[in-house]
C-alpha atoms as a PDB file:
ATOM      1  CA  MET A   1     -46.583 -17.932   8.522  1.00  0.00           C
ATOM      2  CA  PRO A   2     -44.188 -20.652   7.096  1.00  0.00           C
ATOM      3  CA  GLU A   3     -40.758 -20.800   8.698  1.00  0.00           C
ATOM      4  CA  HIS A   4     -37.826 -19.507   6.486  1.00  0.00           C
ATOM      5  CA  ASP A   5     -35.066 -22.041   5.785  1.00  0.00           C
ATOM      6  CA  LEU A   6     -31.961 -20.436   7.209  1.00  0.00           C
ATOM      7  CA  THR A   7     -29.698 -23.258   6.435  1.00  0.00           C
ATOM      8  CA  GLU A   8     -27.954 -21.516   3.551  1.00  0.00           C
ATOM      9  CA  THR A   9     -27.626 -18.244   5.574  1.00  0.00           C
ATOM     10  CA  ARG A  10     -25.998 -20.101   8.522  1.00  0.00           C
ATOM     11  CA  GLU A  11     -23.655 -21.881   6.270  1.00  0.00           C
ATOM     12  CA  TYR A  12     -22.696 -18.665   4.518  1.00  0.00           C
ATOM     13  CA  PHE A  13     -21.843 -16.873   7.794  1.00  0.00           C
ATOM     14  CA  ALA A  14     -20.104 -20.002   9.102  1.00  0.00           C
ATOM     15  CA  ASN A  15     -17.582 -19.850   6.358  1.00  0.00           C
ATOM     16  CA  VAL A  16     -16.992 -16.022   6.415  1.00  0.00           C
ATOM     17  CA  PRO A  17     -13.930 -15.254   8.477  1.00  0.00           C
ATOM     18  CA  ILE A  18     -14.376 -12.810  11.445  1.00  0.00           C
ATOM     19  CA  GLN A  19     -12.992  -9.380  10.606  1.00  0.00           C
ATOM     20  CA  SER A  20     -10.065  -8.528  12.745  1.00  0.00           C
ATOM     21  CA  ASN A  21     -10.423  -4.809  12.167  1.00  0.00           C
ATOM     22  CA  GLY A  22      -6.588  -4.437  12.338  1.00  0.00           C
ATOM     23  CA  PHE A  23      -6.002  -0.631  12.163  1.00  0.00           C
ATOM     24  CA  HIS A  24      -3.421   0.702   9.541  1.00  0.00           C
ATOM     25  CA  VAL A  25      -2.009   3.550  11.756  1.00  0.00           C
ATOM     26  CA  LYS A  26       1.101   2.680  13.867  1.00  0.00           C
ATOM     27  CA  GLY A  27       0.545   2.535  17.598  1.00  0.00           C
ATOM     28  CA  ALA A  28      -3.176   3.261  17.449  1.00  0.00           C
ATOM     29  CA  ASN A  29      -4.780  -0.227  18.023  1.00  0.00           C
ATOM     30  CA  SER A  30      -5.684   0.611  21.626  1.00  0.00           C
ATOM     31  CA  LEU A  31      -7.264   3.994  21.012  1.00  0.00           C
ATOM     32  CA  ASP A  32     -11.033   4.446  20.929  1.00  0.00           C
ATOM     33  CA  TRP A  33     -13.112   4.572  17.876  1.00  0.00           C
ATOM     34  CA  GLY A  34     -13.216   8.333  17.481  1.00  0.00           C
ATOM     35  CA  ASN A  35      -9.489   8.734  17.684  1.00  0.00           C
ATOM     36  CA  LYS A  36      -9.051   6.021  15.044  1.00  0.00           C
ATOM     37  CA  ASN A  37     -11.623   7.600  12.831  1.00  0.00           C
ATOM     38  CA  ARG A  38      -9.813  10.884  12.927  1.00  0.00           C
ATOM     39  CA  LEU A  39      -6.379   9.299  12.219  1.00  0.00           C
ATOM     40  CA  SER A  40      -7.912   7.277   9.326  1.00  0.00           C
ATOM     41  CA  ARG A  41      -8.944  10.634   7.687  1.00  0.00           C
ATOM     42  CA  ILE A  42      -5.245  11.743   7.838  1.00  0.00           C
ATOM     43  CA  PHE A  43      -3.389   8.497   6.910  1.00  0.00           C
ATOM     44  CA  SER A  44      -4.527   6.642   3.717  1.00  0.00           C
ATOM     45  CA  LYS A  45      -5.804   3.132   4.366  1.00  0.00           C
ATOM     46  CA  ASP A  46      -4.287   2.043   1.071  1.00  0.00           C
ATOM     47  CA  SER A  47      -0.659   3.394   1.578  1.00  0.00           C
ATOM     48  CA  GLY A  48      -0.761   4.058   5.341  1.00  0.00           C
ATOM     49  CA  LYS A  49       0.783   7.471   4.603  1.00  0.00           C
ATOM     50  CA  THR A  50      -0.082  11.083   4.399  1.00  0.00           C
ATOM     51  CA  VAL A  51       0.748  14.300   2.581  1.00  0.00           C
ATOM     52  CA  MET A  52      -0.093  17.094   4.930  1.00  0.00           C
ATOM     53  CA  PHE A  53      -0.079  20.650   3.545  1.00  0.00           C
ATOM     54  CA  ALA A  54       1.276  22.945   6.246  1.00  0.00           C
ATOM     55  CA  VAL A  55       0.206  26.599   6.066  1.00  0.00           C
ATOM     56  CA  ASP A  56       0.405  27.492   9.887  1.00  0.00           C
ATOM     57  CA  HIS A  57       3.593  29.531   9.478  1.00  0.00           C
ATOM     58  CA  GLY A  58       1.824  32.878  10.033  1.00  0.00           C
ATOM     59  CA  TYR A  59       1.206  32.015  13.749  1.00  0.00           C
ATOM     60  CA  PHE A  60       4.641  33.390  14.521  1.00  0.00           C
ATOM     61  CA  GLN A  61       6.009  34.499  11.093  1.00  0.00           C
ATOM     62  CA  GLY A  62       3.152  36.643  10.076  1.00  0.00           C
ATOM     63  CA  PRO A  63       2.487  36.887   6.210  1.00  0.00           C
ATOM     64  CA  THR A  64       5.024  34.368   5.089  1.00  0.00           C
ATOM     65  CA  THR A  65       6.293  34.540   1.509  1.00  0.00           C
ATOM     66  CA  GLY A  66       3.906  32.620  -0.650  1.00  0.00           C
ATOM     67  CA  LEU A  67       1.109  32.793   1.970  1.00  0.00           C
ATOM     68  CA  GLU A  68       0.363  36.579   1.870  1.00  0.00           C
ATOM     69  CA  ARG A  69      -3.169  35.697   0.564  1.00  0.00           C
ATOM     70  CA  LEU A  70      -4.300  32.482   2.266  1.00  0.00           C
ATOM     71  CA  ASP A  71      -7.575  32.644   0.342  1.00  0.00           C
ATOM     72  CA  LEU A  72      -5.664  32.612  -2.984  1.00  0.00           C
ATOM     73  CA  ALA A  73      -2.590  30.341  -2.176  1.00  0.00           C
ATOM     74  CA  VAL A  74      -4.392  27.504  -0.156  1.00  0.00           C
ATOM     75  CA  PRO A  75      -7.591  26.333  -1.822  1.00  0.00           C
ATOM     76  CA  PRO A  76      -6.104  25.406  -5.278  1.00  0.00           C
ATOM     77  CA  LEU A  77      -3.815  22.878  -3.614  1.00  0.00           C
ATOM     78  CA  LEU A  78      -6.176  21.046  -1.278  1.00  0.00           C
ATOM     79  CA  ASP A  79      -7.302  18.473  -3.867  1.00  0.00           C
ATOM     80  CA  ASP A  80      -3.831  16.836  -3.673  1.00  0.00           C
ATOM     81  CA  ALA A  81      -3.321  17.106   0.123  1.00  0.00           C
ATOM     82  CA  ASP A  82      -4.475  14.456   2.412  1.00  0.00           C
ATOM     83  CA  ALA A  83      -4.696  16.838   5.337  1.00  0.00           C
ATOM     84  CA  LEU A  84      -4.358  20.665   5.943  1.00  0.00           C
ATOM     85  CA  MET A  85      -2.258  21.944   8.879  1.00  0.00           C
ATOM     86  CA  ALA A  86      -3.493  25.279   9.739  1.00  0.00           C
ATOM     87  CA  THR A  87      -4.437  27.687  12.408  1.00  0.00           C
ATOM     88  CA  ARG A  88      -8.134  28.339  13.461  1.00  0.00           C
ATOM     89  CA  GLY A  89      -7.865  31.860  12.116  1.00  0.00           C
ATOM     90  CA  ALA A  90      -6.746  30.641   8.761  1.00  0.00           C
ATOM     91  CA  VAL A  91      -9.482  28.047   8.601  1.00  0.00           C
ATOM     92  CA  ARG A  92     -12.249  30.378   9.530  1.00  0.00           C
ATOM     93  CA  THR A  93     -11.187  33.180   7.182  1.00  0.00           C
ATOM     94  CA  SER A  94      -9.780  31.434   4.141  1.00  0.00           C
ATOM     95  CA  ILE A  95     -11.057  27.917   3.801  1.00  0.00           C
ATOM     96  CA  ASP A  96     -14.502  27.001   2.330  1.00  0.00           C
ATOM     97  CA  PRO A  97     -16.496  25.078   4.887  1.00  0.00           C
ATOM     98  CA  SER A  98     -17.511  22.553   2.207  1.00  0.00           C
ATOM     99  CA  MET A  99     -13.794  21.398   2.072  1.00  0.00           C
ATOM    100  CA  ASN A 100     -13.687  17.772   3.173  1.00  0.00           C
ATOM    101  CA  LYS A 101     -10.039  17.398   3.969  1.00  0.00           C
ATOM    102  CA  PRO A 102      -9.045  16.643   7.518  1.00  0.00           C
ATOM    103  CA  ILE A 103      -7.639  19.732   9.549  1.00  0.00           C
ATOM    104  CA  VAL A 104      -4.591  19.273  11.745  1.00  0.00           C
ATOM    105  CA  LEU A 105      -5.152  22.355  13.928  1.00  0.00           C
ATOM    106  CA  ARG A 106      -2.225  24.542  15.250  1.00  0.00           C
ATOM    107  CA  ALA A 107      -2.929  24.453  18.935  1.00  0.00           C
ATOM    108  CA  SER A 108       0.012  26.240  20.561  1.00  0.00           C
ATOM    109  CA  GLY A 109       1.339  29.822  20.324  1.00  0.00           C
ATOM    110  CA  GLY A 110       3.322  32.494  22.079  1.00  0.00           C
ATOM    111  CA  PRO A 111       6.118  34.766  21.230  1.00  0.00           C
ATOM    112  CA  SER A 112       7.226  35.837  17.798  1.00  0.00           C
ATOM    113  CA  ILE A 113      10.385  37.858  16.898  1.00  0.00           C
ATOM    114  CA  LEU A 114      10.754  39.670  20.237  1.00  0.00           C
ATOM    115  CA  ARG A 115      11.147  36.860  22.775  1.00  0.00           C
ATOM    116  CA  GLU A 116      12.314  33.217  23.293  1.00  0.00           C
ATOM    117  CA  LEU A 117      10.209  31.245  20.714  1.00  0.00           C
ATOM    118  CA  SER A 118       9.973  28.282  23.019  1.00  0.00           C
ATOM    119  CA  ASP A 119       7.850  30.052  25.580  1.00  0.00           C
ATOM    120  CA  GLU A 120       4.567  28.799  24.017  1.00  0.00           C
ATOM    121  CA  ARG A 121       1.177  27.986  25.678  1.00  0.00           C
ATOM    122  CA  VAL A 122      -1.802  26.096  24.630  1.00  0.00           C
ATOM    123  CA  ALA A 123      -3.672  28.490  22.312  1.00  0.00           C
ATOM    124  CA  VAL A 124      -6.914  26.609  21.431  1.00  0.00           C
ATOM    125  CA  THR A 125      -9.451  25.001  23.692  1.00  0.00           C
ATOM    126  CA  ILE A 126     -10.679  21.522  23.002  1.00  0.00           C
ATOM    127  CA  GLU A 127     -14.188  23.050  22.516  1.00  0.00           C
ATOM    128  CA  ASP A 128     -12.970  25.128  19.755  1.00  0.00           C
ATOM    129  CA  ALA A 129     -11.115  22.200  18.075  1.00  0.00           C
ATOM    130  CA  LEU A 130     -14.334  20.319  18.007  1.00  0.00           C
ATOM    131  CA  ARG A 131     -16.231  23.455  16.638  1.00  0.00           C
ATOM    132  CA  ILE A 132     -13.748  23.433  13.775  1.00  0.00           C
ATOM    133  CA  ASN A 133     -14.082  19.719  13.381  1.00  0.00           C
ATOM    134  CA  ALA A 134     -10.374  19.184  13.792  1.00  0.00           C
ATOM    135  CA  SER A 135      -9.009  15.698  12.972  1.00  0.00           C
ATOM    136  CA  ALA A 136      -5.986  16.318  15.091  1.00  0.00           C
ATOM    137  CA  MET A 137      -4.275  19.117  17.104  1.00  0.00           C
ATOM    138  CA  ALA A 138      -0.567  20.179  16.840  1.00  0.00           C
ATOM    139  CA  VAL A 139       1.641  21.399  19.486  1.00  0.00           C
ATOM    140  CA  GLN A 140       5.433  22.274  19.614  1.00  0.00           C
ATOM    141  CA  MET A 141       7.822  20.293  21.526  1.00  0.00           C
ATOM    142  CA  PHE A 142      10.999  22.253  22.627  1.00  0.00           C
ATOM    143  CA  ILE A 143      13.166  19.403  23.851  1.00  0.00           C
ATOM    144  CA  GLY A 144      16.470  20.956  25.254  1.00  0.00           C
ATOM    145  CA  SER A 145      15.111  24.506  25.416  1.00  0.00           C
ATOM    146  CA  GLU A 146      14.709  26.585  28.565  1.00  0.00           C
ATOM    147  CA  ASN A 147      11.039  26.116  28.272  1.00  0.00           C
ATOM    148  CA  GLU A 148      11.041  22.346  27.556  1.00  0.00           C
ATOM    149  CA  THR A 149       8.884  21.625  30.716  1.00  0.00           C
ATOM    150  CA  GLN A 150       6.192  24.124  29.725  1.00  0.00           C
ATOM    151  CA  SER A 151       6.055  22.696  26.185  1.00  0.00           C
ATOM    152  CA  MET A 152       5.736  19.181  27.587  1.00  0.00           C
ATOM    153  CA  GLN A 153       2.940  20.470  29.831  1.00  0.00           C
ATOM    154  CA  ASN A 154       1.223  21.899  26.610  1.00  0.00           C
ATOM    155  CA  LEU A 155       1.459  18.556  24.895  1.00  0.00           C
ATOM    156  CA  THR A 156       0.037  16.552  27.997  1.00  0.00           C
ATOM    157  CA  LYS A 157      -2.699  18.975  28.514  1.00  0.00           C
ATOM    158  CA  LEU A 158      -3.791  18.544  24.868  1.00  0.00           C
ATOM    159  CA  VAL A 159      -3.304  14.774  24.967  1.00  0.00           C
ATOM    160  CA  ASP A 160      -5.561  14.558  28.063  1.00  0.00           C
ATOM    161  CA  ALA A 161      -8.270  16.670  26.471  1.00  0.00           C
ATOM    162  CA  GLY A 162      -7.861  14.832  23.163  1.00  0.00           C
ATOM    163  CA  MET A 163      -8.284  11.498  24.922  1.00  0.00           C
ATOM    164  CA  ARG A 164     -11.471  12.713  26.547  1.00  0.00           C
ATOM    165  CA  TYR A 165     -13.013  13.687  23.164  1.00  0.00           C
ATOM    166  CA  GLY A 166     -11.276  11.434  20.610  1.00  0.00           C
ATOM    167  CA  ILE A 167      -8.923  13.970  18.923  1.00  0.00           C
ATOM    168  CA  PRO A 168      -5.381  12.771  18.338  1.00  0.00           C
ATOM    169  CA  VAL A 169      -2.322  15.103  19.068  1.00  0.00           C
ATOM    170  CA  MET A 170       0.643  15.544  16.886  1.00  0.00           C
ATOM    171  CA  GLY A 171       3.942  16.657  18.679  1.00  0.00           C
ATOM    172  CA  VAL A 172       6.053  18.838  16.469  1.00  0.00           C
ATOM    173  CA  VAL A 173       9.662  18.610  17.317  1.00  0.00           C
ATOM    174  CA  ALA A 174      11.404  22.025  17.384  1.00  0.00           C
ATOM    175  CA  VAL A 175      15.225  21.958  17.786  1.00  0.00           C
ATOM    176  CA  GLY A 176      16.512  23.506  21.011  1.00  0.00           C
ATOM    177  CA  LYS A 177      19.142  26.054  20.823  1.00  0.00           C
ATOM    178  CA  GLU A 178      21.879  23.902  22.388  1.00  0.00           C
ATOM    179  CA  MET A 179      20.797  20.718  20.493  1.00  0.00           C
ATOM    180  CA  VAL A 180      22.410  19.484  17.225  1.00  0.00           C
ATOM    181  CA  ARG A 181      19.875  18.509  14.586  1.00  0.00           C
ATOM    182  CA  ASP A 182      21.043  14.857  14.303  1.00  0.00           C
ATOM    183  CA  ALA A 183      19.558  11.388  14.789  1.00  0.00           C
ATOM    184  CA  ARG A 184      20.403  11.226  18.429  1.00  0.00           C
ATOM    185  CA  TYR A 185      18.569  14.337  19.379  1.00  0.00           C
ATOM    186  CA  PHE A 186      15.561  13.353  17.216  1.00  0.00           C
ATOM    187  CA  ARG A 187      15.486   9.765  18.706  1.00  0.00           C
ATOM    188  CA  LEU A 188      15.220  11.425  22.122  1.00  0.00           C
ATOM    189  CA  ALA A 189      12.600  13.976  21.218  1.00  0.00           C
ATOM    190  CA  CYS A 190      10.356  11.599  19.270  1.00  0.00           C
ATOM    191  CA  ARG A 191      10.352   9.022  21.965  1.00  0.00           C
ATOM    192  CA  ILE A 192       9.556  11.515  24.634  1.00  0.00           C
ATOM    193  CA  GLY A 193       6.696  12.991  22.746  1.00  0.00           C
ATOM    194  CA  ALA A 194       5.290   9.361  22.023  1.00  0.00           C
ATOM    195  CA  GLU A 195       5.759   8.333  25.651  1.00  0.00           C
ATOM    196  CA  LEU A 196       3.819  11.320  26.849  1.00  0.00           C
ATOM    197  CA  GLY A 197       0.958  10.388  24.602  1.00  0.00           C
ATOM    198  CA  ALA A 198       1.205  12.161  21.299  1.00  0.00           C
ATOM    199  CA  GLN A 199      -0.258   9.898  18.503  1.00  0.00           C
ATOM    200  CA  ILE A 200       1.734  11.397  15.729  1.00  0.00           C
ATOM    201  CA  ILE A 201       5.211  12.998  15.720  1.00  0.00           C
ATOM    202  CA  LYS A 202       6.425  15.483  13.203  1.00  0.00           C
ATOM    203  CA  VAL A 203      10.287  15.793  12.843  1.00  0.00           C
ATOM    204  CA  TYR A 204      12.977  16.808  10.420  1.00  0.00           C
ATOM    205  CA  TYR A 205      14.702  14.377   8.174  1.00  0.00           C
ATOM    206  CA  THR A 206      18.310  13.417   8.878  1.00  0.00           C
ATOM    207  CA  ASP A 207      20.777  12.187   6.157  1.00  0.00           C
ATOM    208  CA  LYS A 208      22.098   9.586   8.688  1.00  0.00           C
ATOM    209  CA  GLU A 209      20.329   7.116  10.804  1.00  0.00           C
ATOM    210  CA  PHE A 210      16.812   8.395  10.050  1.00  0.00           C
ATOM    211  CA  ASP A 211      15.499   4.807  10.109  1.00  0.00           C
ATOM    212  CA  SER A 212      16.562   4.473  13.840  1.00  0.00           C
ATOM    213  CA  ILE A 213      14.400   7.383  14.603  1.00  0.00           C
ATOM    214  CA  VAL A 214      11.443   5.715  12.989  1.00  0.00           C
ATOM    215  CA  SER A 215      12.169   2.356  14.525  1.00  0.00           C
ATOM    216  CA  THR A 216      12.380   3.659  18.023  1.00  0.00           C
ATOM    217  CA  CYS A 217       9.239   5.752  18.024  1.00  0.00           C
ATOM    218  CA  PRO A 218       6.068   3.725  18.594  1.00  0.00           C
ATOM    219  CA  VAL A 219       3.809   6.185  16.623  1.00  0.00           C
ATOM    220  CA  PRO A 220       3.851   7.452  12.974  1.00  0.00           C
ATOM    221  CA  ILE A 221       6.523   9.932  12.170  1.00  0.00           C
ATOM    222  CA  VAL A 222       5.732  12.636   9.675  1.00  0.00           C
ATOM    223  CA  VAL A 223       8.642  14.548   8.200  1.00  0.00           C
ATOM    224  CA  ALA A 224       8.722  18.312   8.092  1.00  0.00           C
ATOM    225  CA  GLY A 225       9.481  19.910   4.748  1.00  0.00           C
ATOM    226  CA  GLY A 226      11.644  22.569   6.472  1.00  0.00           C
ATOM    227  CA  LYS A 227      13.176  25.493   4.663  1.00  0.00           C
ATOM    228  CA  LYS A 228      12.716  25.939   0.868  1.00  0.00           C
ATOM    229  CA  LEU A 229      14.950  23.696  -1.292  1.00  0.00           C
ATOM    230  CA  PRO A 230      15.278  23.341  -4.999  1.00  0.00           C
ATOM    231  CA  GLU A 231      12.453  21.049  -6.158  1.00  0.00           C
ATOM    232  CA  MET A 232      14.616  18.040  -6.938  1.00  0.00           C
ATOM    233  CA  GLU A 233      16.259  18.213  -3.477  1.00  0.00           C
ATOM    234  CA  ALA A 234      12.984  18.335  -1.847  1.00  0.00           C
ATOM    235  CA  LEU A 235      11.762  15.360  -3.762  1.00  0.00           C
ATOM    236  CA  VAL A 236      14.957  13.410  -2.915  1.00  0.00           C
ATOM    237  CA  MET A 237      14.527  14.092   0.741  1.00  0.00           C
ATOM    238  CA  ALA A 238      10.831  12.995   0.363  1.00  0.00           C
ATOM    239  CA  GLU A 239      11.874   9.719  -1.366  1.00  0.00           C
ATOM    240  CA  ARG A 240      14.503   8.887   1.301  1.00  0.00           C
ATOM    241  CA  ALA A 241      12.182   9.656   4.185  1.00  0.00           C
ATOM    242  CA  ILE A 242       9.509   7.397   2.835  1.00  0.00           C
ATOM    243  CA  ALA A 243      11.938   4.534   2.025  1.00  0.00           C
ATOM    244  CA  GLU A 244      13.369   4.771   5.569  1.00  0.00           C
ATOM    245  CA  GLY A 245       9.867   4.444   7.154  1.00  0.00           C
ATOM    246  CA  ALA A 246       8.289   7.812   7.585  1.00  0.00           C
ATOM    247  CA  ALA A 247       4.447   7.699   7.458  1.00  0.00           C
ATOM    248  CA  GLY A 248       4.332  10.832   5.310  1.00  0.00           C
ATOM    249  CA  LEU A 249       5.334  14.421   4.757  1.00  0.00           C
ATOM    250  CA  ASP A 250       4.050  17.737   6.150  1.00  0.00           C
ATOM    251  CA  MET A 251       5.341  20.120   3.525  1.00  0.00           C
ATOM    252  CA  GLY A 252       4.587  23.911   3.371  1.00  0.00           C
ATOM    253  CA  ARG A 253       7.308  26.184   1.952  1.00  0.00           C
ATOM    254  CA  ASN A 254       8.473  23.542  -0.516  1.00  0.00           C
ATOM    255  CA  ILE A 255       5.030  23.573  -1.953  1.00  0.00           C
ATOM    256  CA  PHE A 256       3.678  26.992  -1.636  1.00  0.00           C
ATOM    257  CA  GLN A 257       6.949  28.754  -2.434  1.00  0.00           C
ATOM    258  CA  SER A 258       7.646  26.520  -5.364  1.00  0.00           C
ATOM    259  CA  LYS A 259       7.548  28.059  -8.913  1.00  0.00           C
ATOM    260  CA  ALA A 260       4.638  25.704  -9.624  1.00  0.00           C
ATOM    261  CA  PRO A 261       2.904  24.759  -6.423  1.00  0.00           C
ATOM    262  CA  ARG A 262       0.207  22.561  -7.892  1.00  0.00           C
ATOM    263  CA  ALA A 263       2.841  20.563  -9.786  1.00  0.00           C
ATOM    264  CA  MET A 264       4.942  20.180  -6.768  1.00  0.00           C
ATOM    265  CA  ILE A 265       2.279  18.841  -4.495  1.00  0.00           C
ATOM    266  CA  LYS A 266       1.271  16.344  -7.210  1.00  0.00           C
ATOM    267  CA  ALA A 267       4.962  15.198  -7.494  1.00  0.00           C
ATOM    268  CA  VAL A 268       5.253  14.932  -3.620  1.00  0.00           C
ATOM    269  CA  ARG A 269       2.045  12.949  -3.600  1.00  0.00           C
ATOM    270  CA  ALA A 270       3.312  10.611  -6.200  1.00  0.00           C
ATOM    271  CA  VAL A 271       6.411   9.892  -4.159  1.00  0.00           C
ATOM    272  CA  VAL A 272       4.453   9.295  -0.976  1.00  0.00           C
ATOM    273  CA  HIS A 273       1.576   7.213  -2.232  1.00  0.00           C
ATOM    274  CA  GLU A 274       2.716   5.700  -5.499  1.00  0.00           C
ATOM    275  CA  GLY A 275       6.464   5.108  -4.602  1.00  0.00           C
ATOM    276  CA  LEU A 276       7.762   7.125  -7.430  1.00  0.00           C
ATOM    277  CA  THR A 277      11.570   7.959  -7.285  1.00  0.00           C
ATOM    278  CA  ALA A 278      12.547  11.493  -6.878  1.00  0.00           C
ATOM    279  CA  LYS A 279      13.845  11.395 -10.462  1.00  0.00           C
ATOM    280  CA  ASP A 280      10.534  10.259 -11.946  1.00  0.00           C
ATOM    281  CA  ALA A 281       8.619  12.728  -9.640  1.00  0.00           C
ATOM    282  CA  PHE A 282      10.802  15.514 -10.729  1.00  0.00           C
ATOM    283  CA  SER A 283       9.954  14.625 -14.433  1.00  0.00           C
ATOM    284  CA  LEU A 284       6.275  14.722 -13.455  1.00  0.00           C
ATOM    285  CA  TYR A 285       6.732  18.141 -11.797  1.00  0.00           C
ATOM    286  CA  GLU A 286       8.440  19.503 -14.941  1.00  0.00           C
ATOM    287  CA  ASP A 287       5.739  18.060 -17.172  1.00  0.00           C
ATOM    288  CA  LEU A 288       2.969  19.566 -15.115  1.00  0.00           C
ATOM    289  CA  SER A 289       4.813  22.963 -14.892  1.00  0.00           C
ATOM    290  CA  GLU A 290       4.634  23.525 -18.598  1.00  0.00           C
END
């Protein structure tokens, strides 16, 4: 057989720069491929941000207002979410298995109304997280509470298991009883979580110095929606958080308790991924609510 002339092929490849494969999620460059792959499902490569839809409230609150029927409340909103934060029970009973959104799996649990809420334990095995095909696991961090050490042990156990199998962990900052919900406390809590191995931190927004919380945390910070606010106030909070460096939002009540949940999640998405101002996003919300 005659030899093929490979001159043009060699010249082509000689002039194509080597791909650096730089990763778009903060602090994740040294992670293995599986961990990165799961993070890339959660955080958009285009914007580097995420809109998580949190519906895990029932793990200690029971049938939260707006989530009395998970099977009716959650599925219609998934198209506009980048990820779903839920419990394994909610996923198995109420989410269509053909749903292709990444799951951030609530992996800790414990007391409800009768005891100290910070006394949680790991409530999901890594094997079950894999069976559910979770893209991340979430665990509470009770910095400053009487059960701080236990909650940190919960975190590190899940980080160790996650590193073995390539599943990232999100540390969720819960405010200790004696701690003030301010930038100083959140800088402390976020940094501790990141230093102990969490690949994502979820924290509340602060009106002052929020950018200092972001800048001193070496992994992405996702802002909790918190209690239900008027829609405009929630969108203002979202705009400020993103402008000050947050890698996204994890909203629940401000979406599913809204008068128009589908309109609200679209408005939040526009702030996070398209850079809309709160004013413009609220106009979008009103237009879609009609």
